[in-house]
Amino acid sequence: MCLVFGVSRSRFYTWLNNGLLNTSIENQLLTEKIRAIHGNSKQTYGSPRITRELIKLDVKVSRPRVARLMKKAIFGLLALSNCVSILKVG
């Protein structure tokens, strides 16, 4: 089974015994919530406010993790849109 998934035995059994979600899946779900909160705030909330909103929703998360995911997701999209607008103008 480990060969099929490309993971070590210890990693597989840790996952099997703990039933934890894969970190990348957790990050994707968290990023969706962050985008929704950021959009509902008319794109004015930063990581501290978004963290507080997530905690109100009973999501256990730290501000640095929210900031990292925001930087990757939201600001990555802004950078991409700036590149597209530059290409359209040029």
Foldseek 3Di string as FASTA:
>chain_A
DCVVVVHDPVVVVVCVVVVDDDPVVVLVVVLVLLVVVCVVVVNPDALVVSVVVVVVVVDDDDSVSSNVSCCVPVVVVVVVVVVVVVVVVD
